[in-house]
């Protein structure tokens, strides 16, 4: 049977082990701690490693890493009276856990409180900007202004504000449909105007082509009449000379021309042997025999 001294020593060792375990705590690389006594902060621990405290004290741990704040999407009225759904987010980290606990208690409360403040500042800044600015390169300047406005309020929570970003900016469904309808009407009107201008240009080109065609035909006819007149004149001169040389042959030629014109129409002509036409052949018979 163990002696009372050994039992007492064992009890002391157990108590010492329990007290020792309650007096030691570990802080990881991605953590920082706040030592509390009876619910009141005593001191903050920012260095990672093994640390000591009183057994009656307890420890709360806080993130050292960068955290994200993603408030709900909100609808904002811009300076040009257009409404947009804005999705924003912020990145932050705790730099003073003591102030953070005093002002926000925990991360969930901070996200709720500071998220409301973030949305309020965003509404105020975007209310001074039109939609075209929000969709242009000037959007970065708006985000910088929002961040600079929120740096001081974040420090009051013991927090460093790393970045503030505006993500998606979408038009509400009803606004998107209205914008689409206006764009569609505008495109239809523009297309109709272009078609009308095209038809007008086509009519002008067609009219100009018709005028040129009529002019070309008229000039060709004029030149043809001139050439025909010149040809007829030369023909008459030649025939006149031929008539002067052989009157009888010229009369015979004229008769042939008359018969040619008559027969070209598909007519049938019946001639008697004693007609003038055959008289020329009868007259030419003896001459030929000679």
Protein backbone atom coordinates (compact mmCIF):
# COMPACT_ATOMS: atom_id res chain seq x y z
CA UNK A 1 0.00 0.00 0.00
CA UNK A 2 1.34 3.43 -1.07
CA UNK A 3 2.39 5.77 1.65
CA UNK A 4 0.54 9.06 2.23
CA UNK A 5 3.62 10.97 1.11
CA UNK A 6 3.64 9.29 -2.30
CA UNK A 7 -0.05 9.94 -2.72
CA UNK A 8 0.39 13.60 -1.82
CA UNK A 9 3.31 13.89 -4.23
CA UNK A 10 1.22 12.35 -6.99
CA UNK A 11 -1.64 14.76 -6.32
CA UNK A 12 0.76 17.69 -6.39
CA UNK A 13 2.22 16.51 -9.70
CA UNK A 14 -1.25 16.18 -11.23
CA UNK A 15 -2.26 19.62 -10.01
CA UNK A 16 1.01 21.06 -11.30
CA UNK A 17 0.45 19.43 -14.70
CA UNK A 18 -3.09 20.78 -14.91
CA UNK A 19 -2.00 24.24 -13.83
CA UNK A 20 0.91 24.13 -16.28
CA UNK A 21 -1.34 23.14 -19.16
CA UNK A 22 -3.72 25.96 -18.26
CA UNK A 23 -0.83 28.42 -18.21
CA UNK A 24 0.52 27.68 -21.68
CA UNK A 25 -0.97 28.48 -25.06
CA UNK A 26 0.29 28.42 -28.65
CA UNK A 27 -0.17 31.04 -31.37
CA UNK A 28 0.15 29.85 -34.99
CA UNK A 29 1.75 31.80 -37.83
CA UNK A 30 -1.67 32.80 -39.20
CA UNK A 31 -3.04 33.85 -35.80
CA UNK A 32 -2.84 36.55 -33.19
CA UNK A 33 -4.26 36.28 -29.69
CA UNK A 34 -5.87 38.33 -26.97
CA UNK A 35 -5.44 37.25 -23.32
CA UNK A 36 -8.56 37.85 -21.21
CA UNK A 37 -9.11 37.79 -17.48
CA UNK A 38 -12.66 37.60 -16.26
CA UNK A 39 -13.78 38.69 -19.74
CA UNK A 40 -11.58 41.80 -19.78
CA UNK A 41 -8.65 42.10 -22.21
CA UNK A 42 -5.24 41.99 -20.53
CA UNK A 43 -2.81 42.11 -23.44
CA UNK A 44 -2.49 41.13 -27.10
CA UNK A 45 -0.06 38.56 -28.47
CA UNK A 46 1.02 38.99 -32.07
CA UNK A 47 4.15 36.80 -32.17
CA UNK A 48 3.67 33.15 -33.09
CA UNK A 49 4.98 30.43 -30.74
CA UNK A 50 4.53 29.24 -27.17
CA UNK A 51 3.27 31.77 -24.61
CA UNK A 52 2.28 31.78 -20.93
CA UNK A 53 -0.67 33.11 -18.99
CA UNK A 54 -2.31 32.73 -15.63
CA UNK A 55 -4.56 29.72 -15.18
CA UNK A 56 -7.51 31.99 -14.55
CA UNK A 57 -6.97 33.72 -17.86
CA UNK A 58 -8.32 32.56 -21.20
CA UNK A 59 -7.28 33.28 -24.80
CA UNK A 60 -9.19 34.44 -27.88
CA UNK A 61 -7.65 33.94 -31.29
CA UNK A 62 -7.97 36.25 -34.30
CA UNK A 63 -6.95 35.86 -37.94
CA UNK A 64 -3.69 37.36 -39.08
CA UNK A 65 -4.50 36.56 -42.73
CA UNK A 66 -6.20 38.89 -45.20
CA UNK A 67 -9.97 38.38 -45.10
CA UNK A 68 -12.74 39.27 -47.54
CA UNK A 69 -15.88 41.27 -46.97
CA UNK A 70 -18.59 40.62 -49.57
CA UNK A 71 -21.76 42.60 -48.79
CA UNK A 72 -25.05 41.83 -50.57
CA UNK A 73 -25.66 43.24 -54.05
CA UNK A 74 -27.37 46.61 -53.85
CA UNK A 75 -29.26 48.74 -56.37
CA UNK A 76 -27.80 52.21 -56.84
CA UNK A 77 -29.27 55.28 -58.54
CA UNK A 78 -26.62 57.02 -60.68
CA UNK A 79 -26.37 60.72 -61.48
CA UNK A 80 -28.03 60.17 -64.89
CA UNK A 81 -31.03 58.59 -63.11
CA UNK A 82 -30.13 55.08 -64.25
CA UNK A 83 -30.33 52.24 -61.77
CA UNK A 84 -27.67 49.53 -61.60
CA UNK A 85 -27.09 46.48 -59.41
CA UNK A 86 -23.63 46.85 -57.84
CA UNK A 87 -21.64 43.94 -56.46
CA UNK A 88 -18.69 45.11 -54.35
CA UNK A 89 -16.16 43.52 -52.01
CA UNK A 90 -13.29 44.55 -49.73
CA UNK A 91 -10.16 42.88 -48.39
CA UNK A 92 -9.04 43.58 -44.83
CA UNK A 93 -7.00 42.27 -41.94
CA UNK A 94 -6.96 42.77 -38.17
CA UNK A 95 -3.99 44.83 -37.00
CA UNK A 96 -5.14 45.48 -33.39
CA UNK A 97 -7.18 42.65 -31.88
CA UNK A 98 -7.85 44.63 -28.70
CA UNK A 99 -9.58 47.50 -30.55
CA UNK A 100 -11.24 45.00 -32.86
CA UNK A 101 -12.79 43.16 -29.90
CA UNK A 102 -13.90 46.38 -28.26
CA UNK A 103 -15.56 47.77 -31.41
CA UNK A 104 -16.75 44.70 -33.32
CA UNK A 105 -16.52 41.82 -30.80
CA UNK A 106 -15.96 39.30 -33.61
CA UNK A 107 -15.52 38.99 -37.37
CA UNK A 108 -19.20 38.30 -38.08
CA UNK A 109 -20.26 41.57 -36.41
CA UNK A 110 -17.53 43.48 -38.22
CA UNK A 111 -18.63 42.12 -41.61
CA UNK A 112 -22.20 43.22 -40.90
CA UNK A 113 -21.31 46.67 -39.54
CA UNK A 114 -18.57 47.57 -41.98
CA UNK A 115 -20.48 46.02 -44.91
CA UNK A 116 -23.29 48.50 -44.29
CA UNK A 117 -20.76 51.34 -44.16
CA UNK A 118 -19.16 50.13 -47.41
CA UNK A 119 -22.48 50.02 -49.25
CA UNK A 120 -23.38 53.47 -47.94
CA UNK A 121 -20.14 55.02 -49.22
CA UNK A 122 -20.55 53.27 -52.58
CA UNK A 123 -24.09 54.64 -52.95
CA UNK A 124 -22.86 58.14 -52.16
CA UNK A 125 -19.99 58.04 -54.68
CA UNK A 126 -21.93 56.40 -57.50
CA UNK A 127 -24.79 58.86 -57.06
CA UNK A 128 -22.39 61.49 -58.44
CA UNK A 129 -21.31 59.47 -61.49
CA UNK A 130 -23.16 58.60 -64.74
CA UNK A 131 -23.31 55.11 -66.16
CA UNK A 132 -20.77 55.87 -68.88
CA UNK A 133 -18.20 56.79 -66.22
CA UNK A 134 -18.85 53.59 -64.29
CA UNK A 135 -18.25 51.56 -67.46
CA UNK A 136 -15.07 53.41 -68.47
CA UNK A 137 -11.50 53.58 -67.18
CA UNK A 138 -12.63 56.22 -64.65
CA UNK A 139 -14.11 53.35 -62.65
CA UNK A 140 -10.68 52.81 -61.03
CA UNK A 141 -10.66 56.39 -59.76
CA UNK A 142 -14.08 55.87 -58.17
CA UNK A 143 -12.84 52.75 -56.36
CA UNK A 144 -9.74 54.59 -55.10
CA UNK A 145 -11.91 57.39 -53.75
CA UNK A 146 -14.20 54.89 -51.99
CA UNK A 147 -11.21 53.14 -50.43
CA UNK A 148 -9.63 56.38 -49.23
CA UNK A 149 -12.95 57.34 -47.63
CA UNK A 150 -13.13 54.03 -45.72
CA UNK A 151 -9.51 53.81 -44.49
CA UNK A 152 -10.10 55.92 -41.38
CA UNK A 153 -13.35 54.17 -40.34
CA UNK A 154 -11.60 50.81 -40.75
CA UNK A 155 -8.76 51.88 -38.46
CA UNK A 156 -11.33 52.71 -35.80
CA UNK A 157 -12.14 48.98 -35.75
CA UNK A 158 -8.46 48.03 -35.46
CA UNK A 159 -8.54 46.92 -39.09
CA UNK A 160 -6.37 47.74 -42.10
CA UNK A 161 -8.38 48.12 -45.30
CA UNK A 162 -6.30 46.48 -48.05
CA UNK A 163 -8.50 46.97 -51.10
CA UNK A 164 -12.00 47.90 -52.21
CA UNK A 165 -13.37 46.74 -55.54
CA UNK A 166 -16.58 47.13 -57.49
CA UNK A 167 -17.26 43.84 -59.21
CA UNK A 168 -20.19 43.45 -61.55
CA UNK A 169 -22.45 46.37 -62.39
CA UNK A 170 -25.58 45.03 -64.05
CA UNK A 171 -28.70 46.82 -65.12
CA UNK A 172 -31.89 45.59 -63.43
CA UNK A 173 -34.02 43.26 -65.56
CA UNK A 174 -36.67 45.87 -66.29
CA UNK A 175 -34.03 48.48 -67.13
CA UNK A 176 -32.14 46.05 -69.35
CA UNK A 177 -35.31 45.30 -71.30
CA UNK A 178 -36.06 49.00 -71.70
CA UNK A 179 -32.51 49.71 -72.88
CA UNK A 180 -32.73 46.78 -75.30
CA UNK A 181 -36.04 48.05 -76.70
CA UNK A 182 -34.60 51.55 -77.18
CA UNK A 183 -31.49 50.17 -78.89
CA UNK A 184 -33.62 47.93 -81.12
CA UNK A 185 -35.90 50.82 -82.11
CA UNK A 186 -32.86 52.99 -82.79
CA UNK A 187 -31.25 50.30 -84.98
CA UNK A 188 -34.50 49.74 -86.90
CA UNK A 189 -34.88 53.47 -87.54
CA UNK A 190 -31.23 53.72 -88.59
CA UNK A 191 -31.61 50.76 -90.95
CA UNK A 192 -34.76 52.28 -92.48
CA UNK A 193 -32.95 55.58 -93.00
CA UNK A 194 -30.00 53.83 -94.64
CA UNK A 195 -32.34 51.91 -96.94
CA UNK A 196 -34.14 55.14 -97.89
CA UNK A 197 -30.84 56.87 -98.59
CA UNK A 198 -29.77 53.86 -100.66
CA UNK A 199 -32.97 53.93 -102.70
CA UNK A 200 -32.56 57.67 -103.25
CA UNK A 201 -28.97 57.20 -104.39
CA UNK A 202 -30.05 54.33 -106.64
CA UNK A 203 -32.74 56.51 -108.25
CA UNK A 204 -30.21 59.31 -108.85
CA UNK A 205 -27.71 56.92 -110.41
CA UNK A 206 -30.44 55.32 -112.55
CA UNK A 207 -31.70 58.71 -113.71
CA UNK A 208 -28.17 59.84 -114.54
CA UNK A 209 -27.56 56.60 -116.44
CA UNK A 210 -30.83 57.04 -118.37
CA UNK A 211 -29.90 60.60 -119.28
CA UNK A 212 -26.48 59.49 -120.46
CA UNK A 213 -28.04 56.62 -122.44
CA UNK A 214 -30.54 58.94 -124.12
CA UNK A 215 -27.77 61.40 -124.92
CA UNK A 216 -25.53 58.69 -126.35
CA UNK A 217 -28.37 57.27 -128.48
CA UNK A 218 -29.36 60.73 -129.71
CA UNK A 219 -25.76 61.53 -130.62
CA UNK A 220 -25.40 58.19 -132.38
CA UNK A 221 -28.61 58.78 -134.33
CA UNK A 222 -27.46 62.26 -135.24
CA UNK A 223 -24.13 61.01 -136.48
CA UNK A 224 -25.90 58.18 -138.35
CA UNK A 225 -28.20 60.68 -140.05
CA UNK A 226 -25.23 62.84 -140.95
CA UNK A 227 -23.36 59.86 -142.39
CA UNK A 228 -26.49 58.65 -144.15
CA UNK A 229 -27.01 62.08 -145.64
CA UNK A 230 -23.40 62.24 -146.74
CA UNK A 231 -23.71 58.75 -148.23
CA UNK A 232 -26.91 59.63 -150.05
CA UNK A 233 -25.26 62.77 -151.35
CA UNK A 234 -22.27 60.85 -152.66
CA UNK A 235 -24.61 58.22 -154.12
CA UNK A 236 -26.59 60.86 -155.96
CA UNK A 237 -23.39 62.41 -157.25
CA UNK A 238 -22.20 59.04 -158.53
CA UNK A 239 -25.58 58.24 -160.06
CA UNK A 240 -25.73 61.67 -161.64
CA UNK A 241 -22.38 61.12 -163.27
CA UNK A 242 -23.48 57.67 -164.40
CA UNK A 243 -26.71 59.11 -165.85
CA UNK A 244 -24.75 61.62 -167.82
CA UNK A 245 -22.56 58.89 -169.32
CA UNK A 246 -25.29 56.35 -170.19
CA UNK A 247 -28.85 57.53 -169.86
CA UNK A 248 -30.37 54.29 -171.05
CA UNK A 249 -28.38 52.16 -168.57
CA UNK A 250 -29.26 54.50 -165.73
CA UNK A 251 -32.97 54.13 -166.47
CA UNK A 252 -32.46 50.35 -166.53
CA UNK A 253 -30.70 50.49 -163.11
CA UNK A 254 -33.49 52.57 -161.64
CA UNK A 255 -36.04 50.02 -162.84
CA UNK A 256 -34.04 47.24 -161.17
CA UNK A 257 -33.99 49.20 -157.91
CA UNK A 258 -37.75 49.71 -158.07
CA UNK A 259 -38.38 46.00 -158.68
CA UNK A 260 -35.98 45.13 -155.83
CA UNK A 261 -37.83 47.33 -153.37
CA UNK A 262 -41.18 45.87 -154.47
CA UNK A 263 -40.03 42.27 -154.30
CA UNK A 264 -38.25 42.69 -150.93
CA UNK A 265 -41.66 42.99 -149.25
CA UNK A 266 -42.53 39.38 -150.28
CA UNK A 267 -44.77 40.46 -153.14
CA UNK A 268 -45.27 38.52 -156.32
CA UNK A 269 -45.14 40.41 -159.61
CA UNK A 270 -46.44 39.15 -162.97
CA UNK A 271 -44.83 40.82 -165.99
CA UNK A 272 -45.81 40.58 -169.62
CA UNK A 273 -43.14 39.88 -172.22
CA UNK A 274 -43.63 43.32 -173.73
CA UNK A 275 -43.13 45.18 -170.42
CA UNK A 276 -40.50 47.90 -170.12
CA UNK A 277 -38.35 45.61 -168.01
CA UNK A 278 -37.91 43.09 -170.78
CA UNK A 279 -37.52 45.82 -173.33
CA UNK A 280 -34.05 46.52 -171.88
CA UNK A 281 -33.04 42.93 -172.39
CA UNK A 282 -34.51 42.92 -175.91
CA UNK A 283 -32.57 46.05 -176.67
CA UNK A 284 -29.39 44.59 -175.31
CA UNK A 285 -29.76 41.34 -177.31
CA UNK A 286 -28.40 42.53 -180.65
CA UNK A 287 -25.63 44.40 -178.89
CA UNK A 288 -24.65 41.24 -177.16
CA UNK A 289 -24.74 39.25 -180.40
CA UNK A 290 -22.41 41.73 -181.90
